[in-house]
Amino acid sequence: TLCYTITMNMIYVEKIAILEESELDANGAASFSATLNVLSAILTMGLQLLLTSGSLVKVFGVSFGLYALPLVTGAGFISLSLVARAPLTIGVFEVSRRVTAFAVSKPSRESLYGVVPRERKYLAKSIIDTFVYRLGGGLGALVFDLTKFLVTIGKHHYVQMCQISIIVVWVATSTMILNQMANMERIAGKAKEL
């Protein structure tokens, strides 16, 4: 959640910089952003409808959902670095990231609560939904200012190093969560046997 929120702010800064570089006026930029929002919503809803009978989480497992979003985010950052800093590139990146977040990653994260005892589940969800999102917003604002400054002075490679670091932390955190979930499932299975 924290890595998602921070990278969301980084993508926003990149999008603003790219739209300014493309010399779109305010109406063109607003229209571009609105198109991305509509496209994201339609594709997410379509993917969710197609998968209602057997979600990607059921087919590929929780690990697929936890790793999908950081990998899509990393691929998006790489495409901005290596392919092109263009509206089409940031548009494809943003739409694919949103669709992955809402149709794949969120159901996987929610399924993690299945192995957590009821009391701890509601405590954890309230902490995550308030504290972690707020912390992510605050850190995202700092990252936003830092990223904007680095982009302004042409130091994109520092931004890319920061992006890669966040993706590595995100994947490592996902791995730790999956390991902990497997241990909890193993303990729950042994308790049922007794």
N, C-alpha and C. Protein backbone atom coordinates (compact mmCIF):
# COMPACT_ATOMS: atom_id res chain seq x y z
N THR A 1 0.82 -1.19 0.00
CA THR A 1 0.00 0.00 0.00
C THR A 1 0.87 1.25 0.00
N LEU A 2 1.89 1.23 0.84
CA LEU A 2 2.78 2.38 0.93
C LEU A 2 3.55 2.58 -0.38
N CYS A 3 4.09 1.52 -0.93
CA CYS A 3 4.82 1.61 -2.20
C CYS A 3 3.87 2.03 -3.33
N TYR A 4 2.66 1.52 -3.32
CA TYR A 4 1.66 1.88 -4.33
C TYR A 4 1.39 3.39 -4.29
N THR A 5 1.17 3.91 -3.09
CA THR A 5 0.84 5.33 -2.95
C THR A 5 2.00 6.22 -3.38
N ILE A 6 3.21 5.84 -2.98
CA ILE A 6 4.39 6.65 -3.35
C ILE A 6 4.61 6.64 -4.86
N THR A 7 4.53 5.45 -5.47
CA THR A 7 4.75 5.38 -6.92
C THR A 7 3.63 6.07 -7.69
N MET A 8 2.43 6.08 -7.12
CA MET A 8 1.31 6.79 -7.75
C MET A 8 1.66 8.28 -7.89
N ASN A 9 2.25 8.85 -6.84
CA ASN A 9 2.65 10.25 -6.90
C ASN A 9 3.78 10.47 -7.90
N MET A 10 4.70 9.52 -7.98
CA MET A 10 5.80 9.65 -8.94
C MET A 10 5.27 9.62 -10.37
N ILE A 11 4.30 8.75 -10.62
CA ILE A 11 3.71 8.67 -11.95
C ILE A 11 2.98 9.96 -12.29
N TYR A 12 2.32 10.53 -11.31
CA TYR A 12 1.61 11.80 -11.53
C TYR A 12 2.59 12.89 -11.95
N VAL A 13 3.73 12.99 -11.27
CA VAL A 13 4.74 13.99 -11.62
C VAL A 13 5.25 13.75 -13.03
N GLU A 14 5.51 12.48 -13.34
CA GLU A 14 5.98 12.15 -14.69
C GLU A 14 4.94 12.55 -15.74
N LYS A 15 3.68 12.26 -15.45
CA LYS A 15 2.61 12.58 -16.40
C LYS A 15 2.54 14.10 -16.64
N ILE A 16 2.60 14.86 -15.58
CA ILE A 16 2.54 16.33 -15.72
C ILE A 16 3.73 16.82 -16.56
N ALA A 17 4.93 16.31 -16.27
CA ALA A 17 6.11 16.72 -17.02
C ALA A 17 5.99 16.35 -18.49
N ILE A 18 5.51 15.15 -18.76
CA ILE A 18 5.38 14.69 -20.14
C ILE A 18 4.33 15.52 -20.89
N LEU A 19 3.23 15.81 -20.22
CA LEU A 19 2.19 16.61 -20.88
C LEU A 19 2.68 18.04 -21.14
N GLU A 20 3.49 18.57 -20.23
CA GLU A 20 4.07 19.91 -20.46
C GLU A 20 5.05 19.87 -21.63
N GLU A 21 5.86 18.81 -21.70
CA GLU A 21 6.82 18.66 -22.80
C GLU A 21 6.11 18.51 -24.14
N SER A 22 4.94 17.90 -24.13
CA SER A 22 4.20 17.69 -25.38
C SER A 22 3.45 18.93 -25.82
N GLU A 23 3.50 19.95 -25.01
CA GLU A 23 2.90 21.25 -25.30
C GLU A 23 1.38 21.20 -25.46
N LEU A 24 0.74 20.28 -24.73
CA LEU A 24 -0.72 20.27 -24.70
C LEU A 24 -1.18 21.47 -23.87
N ASP A 25 -2.26 22.09 -24.30
CA ASP A 25 -2.82 23.18 -23.48
C ASP A 25 -3.61 22.57 -22.32
N ALA A 26 -4.15 23.41 -21.44
CA ALA A 26 -4.85 22.93 -20.24
C ALA A 26 -6.03 22.04 -20.62
N ASN A 27 -6.79 22.41 -21.64
CA ASN A 27 -7.94 21.61 -22.07
C ASN A 27 -7.50 20.27 -22.63
N GLY A 28 -6.42 20.26 -23.40
CA GLY A 28 -5.90 19.01 -23.96
C GLY A 28 -5.41 18.07 -22.87
N ALA A 29 -4.73 18.63 -21.86
CA ALA A 29 -4.23 17.81 -20.75
C ALA A 29 -5.39 17.25 -19.94
N ALA A 30 -6.41 18.08 -19.70
CA ALA A 30 -7.58 17.61 -18.95
C ALA A 30 -8.32 16.53 -19.74
N SER A 31 -8.44 16.71 -21.02
CA SER A 31 -9.10 15.72 -21.87
C SER A 31 -8.31 14.41 -21.88
N PHE A 32 -7.00 14.50 -21.96
CA PHE A 32 -6.13 13.32 -21.92
C PHE A 32 -6.32 12.55 -20.62
N SER A 33 -6.30 13.26 -19.49
CA SER A 33 -6.47 12.63 -18.18
C SER A 33 -7.86 12.01 -18.04
N ALA A 34 -8.87 12.69 -18.54
CA ALA A 34 -10.23 12.16 -18.48
C ALA A 34 -10.35 10.89 -19.31
N THR A 35 -9.72 10.87 -20.47
CA THR A 35 -9.74 9.69 -21.32
C THR A 35 -9.08 8.51 -20.62
N LEU A 36 -7.96 8.77 -19.94
CA LEU A 36 -7.28 7.70 -19.18
C LEU A 36 -8.19 7.17 -18.08
N ASN A 37 -8.89 8.06 -17.38
CA ASN A 37 -9.80 7.64 -16.31
C ASN A 37 -10.92 6.76 -16.84
N VAL A 38 -11.54 7.17 -17.93
CA VAL A 38 -12.64 6.41 -18.51
C VAL A 38 -12.15 5.06 -19.02
N LEU A 39 -11.03 5.07 -19.72
CA LEU A 39 -10.47 3.83 -20.25
C LEU A 39 -10.11 2.87 -19.12
N SER A 40 -9.52 3.39 -18.05
CA SER A 40 -9.17 2.55 -16.90
C SER A 40 -10.41 1.92 -16.29
N ALA A 41 -11.46 2.72 -16.13
CA ALA A 41 -12.69 2.21 -15.52
C ALA A 41 -13.34 1.14 -16.39
N ILE A 42 -13.40 1.37 -17.69
CA ILE A 42 -14.02 0.41 -18.60
C ILE A 42 -13.23 -0.90 -18.63
N LEU A 43 -11.92 -0.81 -18.75
CA LEU A 43 -11.10 -2.02 -18.82
C LEU A 43 -11.13 -2.79 -17.49
N THR A 44 -11.10 -2.06 -16.36
CA THR A 44 -11.17 -2.72 -15.06
C THR A 44 -12.49 -3.45 -14.90
N MET A 45 -13.59 -2.76 -15.23
CA MET A 45 -14.91 -3.38 -15.11
C MET A 45 -15.02 -4.58 -16.05
N GLY A 46 -14.54 -4.42 -17.28
CA GLY A 46 -14.60 -5.53 -18.22
C GLY A 46 -13.80 -6.73 -17.74
N LEU A 47 -12.61 -6.48 -17.23
CA LEU A 47 -11.78 -7.58 -16.73
C LEU A 47 -12.43 -8.24 -15.52
N GLN A 48 -13.00 -7.45 -14.63
CA GLN A 48 -13.67 -8.02 -13.47
C GLN A 48 -14.88 -8.85 -13.87
N LEU A 49 -15.64 -8.38 -14.86
CA LEU A 49 -16.81 -9.13 -15.33
C LEU A 49 -16.39 -10.45 -15.99
N LEU A 50 -15.33 -10.41 -16.77
CA LEU A 50 -14.85 -11.63 -17.41
C LEU A 50 -14.35 -12.65 -16.40
N LEU A 51 -13.88 -12.17 -15.28
CA LEU A 51 -13.25 -13.06 -14.32
C LEU A 51 -14.14 -13.42 -13.14
N THR A 52 -15.42 -13.04 -13.18
CA THR A 52 -16.27 -13.32 -12.02
C THR A 52 -16.45 -14.81 -11.77
N SER A 53 -16.42 -15.61 -12.81
CA SER A 53 -16.58 -17.05 -12.61
C SER A 53 -15.32 -17.69 -12.05
N GLY A 54 -14.18 -17.18 -12.39
CA GLY A 54 -12.92 -17.70 -11.86
C GLY A 54 -11.89 -16.60 -11.89
N SER A 55 -11.71 -15.92 -10.78
CA SER A 55 -10.83 -14.76 -10.78
C SER A 55 -9.38 -15.17 -11.02
N LEU A 56 -8.59 -14.19 -11.42
CA LEU A 56 -7.17 -14.44 -11.64
C LEU A 56 -6.50 -14.94 -10.36
N VAL A 57 -6.98 -14.47 -9.22
CA VAL A 57 -6.42 -14.91 -7.95
C VAL A 57 -6.66 -16.40 -7.77
N LYS A 58 -7.86 -16.88 -8.13
CA LYS A 58 -8.15 -18.31 -8.00
C LYS A 58 -7.32 -19.13 -9.00
N VAL A 59 -7.16 -18.60 -10.20
CA VAL A 59 -6.45 -19.33 -11.24
C VAL A 59 -4.93 -19.34 -11.00
N PHE A 60 -4.37 -18.17 -10.74
CA PHE A 60 -2.91 -18.05 -10.64
C PHE A 60 -2.40 -17.95 -9.20
N GLY A 61 -3.28 -17.76 -8.24
CA GLY A 61 -2.87 -17.67 -6.84
C GLY A 61 -2.64 -16.25 -6.37
N VAL A 62 -2.55 -16.11 -5.07
CA VAL A 62 -2.39 -14.80 -4.44
C VAL A 62 -1.06 -14.17 -4.84
N SER A 63 -0.02 -15.00 -4.99
CA SER A 63 1.30 -14.45 -5.32
C SER A 63 1.26 -13.70 -6.65
N PHE A 64 0.51 -14.21 -7.63
CA PHE A 64 0.38 -13.52 -8.91
C PHE A 64 -0.15 -12.10 -8.68
N GLY A 65 -1.19 -11.98 -7.87
CA GLY A 65 -1.77 -10.67 -7.62
C GLY A 65 -0.86 -9.73 -6.86
N LEU A 66 -0.08 -10.27 -5.94
CA LEU A 66 0.82 -9.42 -5.16
C LEU A 66 2.02 -8.96 -5.99
N TYR A 67 2.50 -9.80 -6.88
CA TYR A 67 3.65 -9.43 -7.70
C TYR A 67 3.25 -8.65 -8.96
N ALA A 68 2.02 -8.78 -9.41
CA ALA A 68 1.61 -8.17 -10.68
C ALA A 68 1.77 -6.65 -10.67
N LEU A 69 1.30 -5.99 -9.62
CA LEU A 69 1.33 -4.53 -9.61
C LEU A 69 2.75 -3.96 -9.54
N PRO A 70 3.62 -4.45 -8.67
CA PRO A 70 4.98 -3.90 -8.71
C PRO A 70 5.70 -4.19 -10.03
N LEU A 71 5.43 -5.34 -10.64
CA LEU A 71 6.07 -5.65 -11.91
C LEU A 71 5.53 -4.78 -13.04
N VAL A 72 4.23 -4.53 -13.05
CA VAL A 72 3.65 -3.62 -14.06
C VAL A 72 4.20 -2.22 -13.85
N THR A 73 4.30 -1.81 -12.59
CA THR A 73 4.84 -0.48 -12.28
C THR A 73 6.29 -0.37 -12.72
N GLY A 74 7.09 -1.40 -12.41
CA GLY A 74 8.48 -1.39 -12.83
C GLY A 74 8.62 -1.36 -14.35
N ALA A 75 7.80 -2.15 -15.04
CA ALA A 75 7.82 -2.15 -16.51
C ALA A 75 7.43 -0.79 -17.06
N GLY A 76 6.48 -0.14 -16.41
CA GLY A 76 6.08 1.20 -16.84
C GLY A 76 7.19 2.22 -16.69
N PHE A 77 7.88 2.17 -15.55
CA PHE A 77 8.99 3.09 -15.34
C PHE A 77 10.11 2.82 -16.34
N ILE A 78 10.37 1.55 -16.61
CA ILE A 78 11.40 1.20 -17.59
C ILE A 78 11.01 1.71 -18.98
N SER A 79 9.74 1.55 -19.34
CA SER A 79 9.30 2.02 -20.66
C SER A 79 9.42 3.54 -20.78
N LEU A 80 9.18 4.25 -19.68
CA LEU A 80 9.36 5.71 -19.72
C LEU A 80 10.84 6.07 -19.89
N SER A 81 11.71 5.25 -19.34
CA SER A 81 13.15 5.52 -19.43
C SER A 81 13.73 5.13 -20.78
N LEU A 82 13.32 3.97 -21.29
CA LEU A 82 13.97 3.42 -22.47
C LEU A 82 13.20 3.62 -23.77
N VAL A 83 11.87 3.61 -23.70
CA VAL A 83 11.08 3.67 -24.93
C VAL A 83 10.86 5.12 -25.35
N ALA A 84 10.04 5.82 -24.60
CA ALA A 84 9.75 7.21 -24.95
C ALA A 84 9.03 7.90 -23.81
N ARG A 85 9.41 9.13 -23.59
CA ARG A 85 8.68 9.97 -22.63
C ARG A 85 7.62 10.71 -23.45
N ALA A 86 6.53 10.02 -23.74
CA ALA A 86 5.49 10.57 -24.59
C ALA A 86 4.13 10.33 -23.94
N PRO A 87 3.12 11.13 -24.30
CA PRO A 87 1.79 10.92 -23.73
C PRO A 87 1.26 9.50 -23.91
N LEU A 88 1.52 8.88 -25.06
CA LEU A 88 1.04 7.52 -25.29
C LEU A 88 1.68 6.55 -24.29
N THR A 89 2.97 6.69 -24.04
CA THR A 89 3.67 5.80 -23.12
C THR A 89 3.13 5.94 -21.70
N ILE A 90 3.00 7.17 -21.21
CA ILE A 90 2.49 7.38 -19.85
C ILE A 90 1.03 6.96 -19.78
N GLY A 91 0.29 7.13 -20.87
CA GLY A 91 -1.12 6.72 -20.89
C GLY A 91 -1.27 5.22 -20.77
N VAL A 92 -0.50 4.47 -21.56
CA VAL A 92 -0.55 3.01 -21.49
C VAL A 92 -0.12 2.54 -20.10
N PHE A 93 0.93 3.16 -19.57
CA PHE A 93 1.45 2.83 -18.25
C PHE A 93 0.38 3.06 -17.18
N GLU A 94 -0.22 4.23 -17.19
CA GLU A 94 -1.20 4.56 -16.16
C GLU A 94 -2.44 3.68 -16.24
N VAL A 95 -2.95 3.43 -17.43
CA VAL A 95 -4.13 2.58 -17.58
C VAL A 95 -3.82 1.14 -17.16
N SER A 96 -2.69 0.60 -17.62
CA SER A 96 -2.37 -0.79 -17.26
C SER A 96 -2.12 -0.92 -15.75
N ARG A 97 -1.56 0.08 -15.15
CA ARG A 97 -1.33 0.06 -13.70
C ARG A 97 -2.64 0.10 -12.93
N ARG A 98 -3.54 0.97 -13.35
CA ARG A 98 -4.85 1.06 -12.66
C ARG A 98 -5.65 -0.22 -12.80
N VAL A 99 -5.68 -0.76 -14.01
CA VAL A 99 -6.43 -2.00 -14.24
C VAL A 99 -5.83 -3.13 -13.39
N THR A 100 -4.51 -3.22 -13.37
CA THR A 100 -3.86 -4.24 -12.54
C THR A 100 -4.16 -4.03 -11.07
N ALA A 101 -4.13 -2.78 -10.63
CA ALA A 101 -4.38 -2.48 -9.21
C ALA A 101 -5.78 -2.89 -8.79
N PHE A 102 -6.77 -2.53 -9.57
CA PHE A 102 -8.15 -2.74 -9.14
C PHE A 102 -8.70 -4.11 -9.51
N ALA A 103 -8.25 -4.70 -10.61
CA ALA A 103 -8.80 -5.99 -11.03
C ALA A 103 -7.99 -7.18 -10.54
N VAL A 104 -6.71 -6.98 -10.22
CA VAL A 104 -5.85 -8.11 -9.86
C VAL A 104 -5.28 -7.96 -8.45
N SER A 105 -4.61 -6.85 -8.20
CA SER A 105 -3.87 -6.69 -6.95
C SER A 105 -4.77 -6.54 -5.73
N LYS A 106 -5.80 -5.72 -5.84
CA LYS A 106 -6.69 -5.51 -4.69
C LYS A 106 -7.37 -6.80 -4.23
N PRO A 107 -7.94 -7.61 -5.13
CA PRO A 107 -8.51 -8.89 -4.67
C PRO A 107 -7.48 -9.79 -3.98
N SER A 108 -6.25 -9.78 -4.46
CA SER A 108 -5.20 -10.58 -3.83
C SER A 108 -4.90 -10.08 -2.43
N ARG A 109 -4.77 -8.77 -2.29
CA ARG A 109 -4.49 -8.20 -0.96
C ARG A 109 -5.63 -8.51 0.00
N GLU A 110 -6.86 -8.41 -0.47
CA GLU A 110 -8.02 -8.67 0.40
C GLU A 110 -8.05 -10.14 0.83
N SER A 111 -7.60 -11.04 -0.06
CA SER A 111 -7.63 -12.46 0.29
C SER A 111 -6.62 -12.80 1.39
N LEU A 112 -5.64 -11.96 1.59
CA LEU A 112 -4.65 -12.20 2.65
C LEU A 112 -5.30 -12.19 4.04
N TYR A 113 -6.40 -11.49 4.17
CA TYR A 113 -7.06 -11.40 5.47
C TYR A 113 -7.77 -12.70 5.85
N GLY A 114 -7.90 -13.64 4.90
CA GLY A 114 -8.58 -14.90 5.18
C GLY A 114 -7.90 -15.76 6.23
N VAL A 115 -6.59 -15.63 6.38
CA VAL A 115 -5.87 -16.45 7.35
C VAL A 115 -5.63 -15.71 8.67
N VAL A 116 -6.10 -14.48 8.74
CA VAL A 116 -5.90 -13.67 9.95
C VAL A 116 -7.12 -13.82 10.85
N PRO A 117 -6.90 -14.02 12.16
CA PRO A 117 -8.04 -14.08 13.08
C PRO A 117 -8.90 -12.82 13.00
N ARG A 118 -10.19 -12.98 13.21
CA ARG A 118 -11.17 -11.91 13.02
C ARG A 118 -10.80 -10.59 13.73
N GLU A 119 -10.42 -10.67 15.00
CA GLU A 119 -10.12 -9.44 15.76
C GLU A 119 -8.94 -8.70 15.14
N ARG A 120 -7.91 -9.46 14.77
CA ARG A 120 -6.72 -8.84 14.19
C ARG A 120 -7.00 -8.30 12.80
N LYS A 121 -7.90 -8.97 12.07
CA LYS A 121 -8.23 -8.54 10.72
C LYS A 121 -8.82 -7.13 10.72
N TYR A 122 -9.79 -6.88 11.58
CA TYR A 122 -10.43 -5.56 11.60
C TYR A 122 -9.49 -4.48 12.14
N LEU A 123 -8.63 -4.82 13.07
CA LEU A 123 -7.65 -3.88 13.57
C LEU A 123 -6.65 -3.54 12.46
N ALA A 124 -6.15 -4.56 11.79
CA ALA A 124 -5.18 -4.35 10.72
C ALA A 124 -5.78 -3.53 9.57
N LYS A 125 -7.01 -3.86 9.17
CA LYS A 125 -7.64 -3.13 8.07
C LYS A 125 -7.82 -1.66 8.42
N SER A 126 -8.24 -1.36 9.66
CA SER A 126 -8.44 0.03 10.04
C SER A 126 -7.12 0.79 10.10
N ILE A 127 -6.06 0.13 10.55
CA ILE A 127 -4.75 0.78 10.58
C ILE A 127 -4.26 1.05 9.15
N ILE A 128 -4.39 0.04 8.30
CA ILE A 128 -3.94 0.20 6.92
C ILE A 128 -4.77 1.27 6.20
N ASP A 129 -6.09 1.21 6.37
CA ASP A 129 -6.96 2.15 5.66
C ASP A 129 -6.81 3.59 6.12
N THR A 130 -6.31 3.79 7.34
CA THR A 130 -6.13 5.17 7.79
C THR A 130 -4.66 5.55 7.83
N PHE A 131 -3.91 4.92 8.71
CA PHE A 131 -2.52 5.33 8.94
C PHE A 131 -1.64 5.13 7.71
N VAL A 132 -1.66 3.94 7.13
CA VAL A 132 -0.73 3.64 6.03
C VAL A 132 -1.06 4.47 4.80
N TYR A 133 -2.34 4.62 4.48
CA TYR A 133 -2.70 5.46 3.34
C TYR A 133 -2.31 6.91 3.58
N ARG A 134 -2.51 7.40 4.79
CA ARG A 134 -2.13 8.79 5.11
C ARG A 134 -0.62 8.96 5.07
N LEU A 135 0.09 7.99 5.64
CA LEU A 135 1.55 8.03 5.60
C LEU A 135 2.03 8.00 4.15
N GLY A 136 1.42 7.14 3.36
CA GLY A 136 1.77 7.07 1.94
C GLY A 136 1.49 8.38 1.23
N GLY A 137 0.38 9.02 1.58
CA GLY A 137 0.07 10.32 1.00
C GLY A 137 1.10 11.37 1.38
N GLY A 138 1.50 11.36 2.66
CA GLY A 138 2.51 12.31 3.13
C GLY A 138 3.86 12.07 2.48
N LEU A 139 4.30 10.81 2.49
CA LEU A 139 5.57 10.48 1.83
C LEU A 139 5.48 10.73 0.33
N GLY A 140 4.31 10.44 -0.23
CA GLY A 140 4.11 10.70 -1.65
C GLY A 140 4.24 12.17 -1.98
N ALA A 141 3.77 13.04 -1.07
CA ALA A 141 3.90 14.48 -1.29
C ALA A 141 5.37 14.89 -1.27
N LEU A 142 6.15 14.30 -0.34
CA LEU A 142 7.59 14.59 -0.31
C LEU A 142 8.27 14.08 -1.57
N VAL A 143 7.92 12.86 -1.96
CA VAL A 143 8.49 12.28 -3.17
C VAL A 143 8.06 13.09 -4.39
N PHE A 144 6.82 13.57 -4.36
CA PHE A 144 6.30 14.42 -5.44
C PHE A 144 7.20 15.64 -5.62
N ASP A 145 7.47 16.34 -4.51
CA ASP A 145 8.31 17.54 -4.59
C ASP A 145 9.73 17.21 -5.04
N LEU A 146 10.30 16.14 -4.48
CA LEU A 146 11.65 15.73 -4.85
C LEU A 146 11.70 15.32 -6.32
N THR A 147 10.73 14.52 -6.76
CA THR A 147 10.69 14.07 -8.15
C THR A 147 10.53 15.26 -9.09
N LYS A 148 9.63 16.17 -8.74
CA LYS A 148 9.40 17.35 -9.58
C LYS A 148 10.69 18.17 -9.70
N PHE A 149 11.39 18.34 -8.58
CA PHE A 149 12.65 19.08 -8.59
C PHE A 149 13.67 18.39 -9.48
N LEU A 150 13.85 17.08 -9.31
CA LEU A 150 14.84 16.34 -10.10
C LEU A 150 14.52 16.35 -11.59
N VAL A 151 13.23 16.24 -11.92
CA VAL A 151 12.82 16.28 -13.33
C VAL A 151 13.09 17.67 -13.90
N THR A 152 12.81 18.70 -13.08
CA THR A 152 13.00 20.08 -13.53
C THR A 152 14.46 20.37 -13.85
N ILE A 153 15.38 19.83 -13.06
CA ILE A 153 16.80 20.10 -13.31
C ILE A 153 17.44 19.04 -14.22
N GLY A 154 16.60 18.16 -14.77
CA GLY A 154 17.09 17.19 -15.75
C GLY A 154 17.83 16.00 -15.16
N LYS A 155 17.59 15.67 -13.92
CA LYS A 155 18.26 14.54 -13.26
C LYS A 155 17.34 13.32 -13.23
N HIS A 156 16.87 12.91 -14.39
CA HIS A 156 15.95 11.77 -14.47
C HIS A 156 16.55 10.49 -13.93
N HIS A 157 17.87 10.32 -14.03
CA HIS A 157 18.49 9.08 -13.57
C HIS A 157 18.35 8.90 -12.06
N TYR A 158 18.32 10.01 -11.31
CA TYR A 158 18.09 9.91 -9.86
C TYR A 158 16.66 9.46 -9.58
N VAL A 159 15.74 9.97 -10.35
CA VAL A 159 14.33 9.56 -10.21
C VAL A 159 14.21 8.07 -10.51
N GLN A 160 14.88 7.61 -11.56
CA GLN A 160 14.82 6.20 -11.94
C GLN A 160 15.44 5.31 -10.87
N MET A 161 16.52 5.75 -10.24
CA MET A 161 17.12 4.97 -9.15
C MET A 161 16.14 4.85 -7.98
N CYS A 162 15.45 5.93 -7.69
CA CYS A 162 14.45 5.91 -6.62
C CYS A 162 13.30 4.98 -6.98
N GLN A 163 12.86 5.03 -8.23
CA GLN A 163 11.77 4.17 -8.68
C GLN A 163 12.15 2.70 -8.58
N ILE A 164 13.34 2.36 -9.02
CA ILE A 164 13.81 0.97 -8.96
C ILE A 164 13.89 0.51 -7.50
N SER A 165 14.40 1.37 -6.63
CA SER A 165 14.51 1.02 -5.21
C SER A 165 13.14 0.72 -4.61
N ILE A 166 12.16 1.52 -4.94
CA ILE A 166 10.81 1.30 -4.40
C ILE A 166 10.24 -0.02 -4.92
N ILE A 167 10.46 -0.33 -6.19
CA ILE A 167 9.97 -1.59 -6.76
C ILE A 167 10.63 -2.77 -6.06
N VAL A 168 11.92 -2.69 -5.81
CA VAL A 168 12.63 -3.79 -5.13
C VAL A 168 12.07 -3.98 -3.72
N VAL A 169 11.86 -2.89 -2.99
CA VAL A 169 11.27 -2.98 -1.65
C VAL A 169 9.87 -3.57 -1.73
N TRP A 170 9.11 -3.18 -2.72
CA TRP A 170 7.73 -3.66 -2.90
C TRP A 170 7.71 -5.17 -3.14
N VAL A 171 8.57 -5.65 -4.04
CA VAL A 171 8.62 -7.09 -4.32
C VAL A 171 9.11 -7.87 -3.10
N ALA A 172 10.10 -7.33 -2.40
CA ALA A 172 10.59 -7.99 -1.19
C ALA A 172 9.50 -8.05 -0.11
N THR A 173 8.76 -6.98 0.03
CA THR A 173 7.66 -6.97 1.00
C THR A 173 6.59 -7.98 0.62
N SER A 174 6.27 -8.06 -0.66
CA SER A 174 5.28 -9.05 -1.12
C SER A 174 5.75 -10.46 -0.81
N THR A 175 7.03 -10.72 -1.00
CA THR A 175 7.58 -12.05 -0.71
C THR A 175 7.48 -12.36 0.78
N MET A 176 7.81 -11.39 1.62
CA MET A 176 7.71 -11.59 3.07
C MET A 176 6.26 -11.86 3.49
N ILE A 177 5.33 -11.12 2.90
CA ILE A 177 3.91 -11.32 3.23
C ILE A 177 3.45 -12.71 2.81
N LEU A 178 3.85 -13.14 1.62
CA LEU A 178 3.47 -14.48 1.15
C LEU A 178 4.05 -15.57 2.04
N ASN A 179 5.29 -15.39 2.47
CA ASN A 179 5.90 -16.37 3.38
C ASN A 179 5.17 -16.41 4.72
N GLN A 180 4.82 -15.25 5.23
CA GLN A 180 4.09 -15.20 6.50
C GLN A 180 2.71 -15.83 6.35
N MET A 181 2.04 -15.57 5.23
CA MET A 181 0.73 -16.16 4.99
C MET A 181 0.82 -17.68 4.92
N ALA A 182 1.84 -18.20 4.25
CA ALA A 182 2.04 -19.65 4.16
C ALA A 182 2.26 -20.25 5.54
N ASN A 183 3.03 -19.57 6.38
CA ASN A 183 3.25 -20.05 7.75
C ASN A 183 1.95 -20.06 8.55
N MET A 184 1.14 -19.00 8.40
CA MET A 184 -0.14 -18.94 9.12
C MET A 184 -1.08 -20.04 8.65
N GLU A 185 -1.09 -20.31 7.33
CA GLU A 185 -1.94 -21.39 6.81
C GLU A 185 -1.47 -22.75 7.33
N ARG A 186 -0.16 -22.94 7.41
CA ARG A 186 0.39 -24.18 7.92
C ARG A 186 0.02 -24.38 9.38
N ILE A 187 0.11 -23.33 10.17
CA ILE A 187 -0.25 -23.39 11.59
C ILE A 187 -1.74 -23.66 11.75
N ALA A 188 -2.56 -22.98 10.93
CA ALA A 188 -4.01 -23.20 10.99
C ALA A 188 -4.35 -24.64 10.61
N GLY A 189 -3.65 -25.19 9.62
CA GLY A 189 -3.88 -26.58 9.20
C GLY A 189 -3.53 -27.57 10.30
N LYS A 190 -2.43 -27.32 11.01
CA LYS A 190 -2.02 -28.20 12.11
C LYS A 190 -3.00 -28.11 13.26
N ALA A 191 -3.54 -26.91 13.51
CA ALA A 191 -4.50 -26.73 14.59
C ALA A 191 -5.80 -27.51 14.30
N LYS A 192 -6.20 -27.56 13.03
CA LYS A 192 -7.41 -28.31 12.67
C LYS A 192 -7.21 -29.82 12.84
N GLU A 193 -5.96 -30.27 12.60
CA GLU A 193 -5.68 -31.69 12.73
C GLU A 193 -5.78 -32.15 14.18
N LEU A 194 -5.49 -31.22 15.11
CA LEU A 194 -5.53 -31.58 16.53
C LEU A 194 -6.97 -31.62 16.96
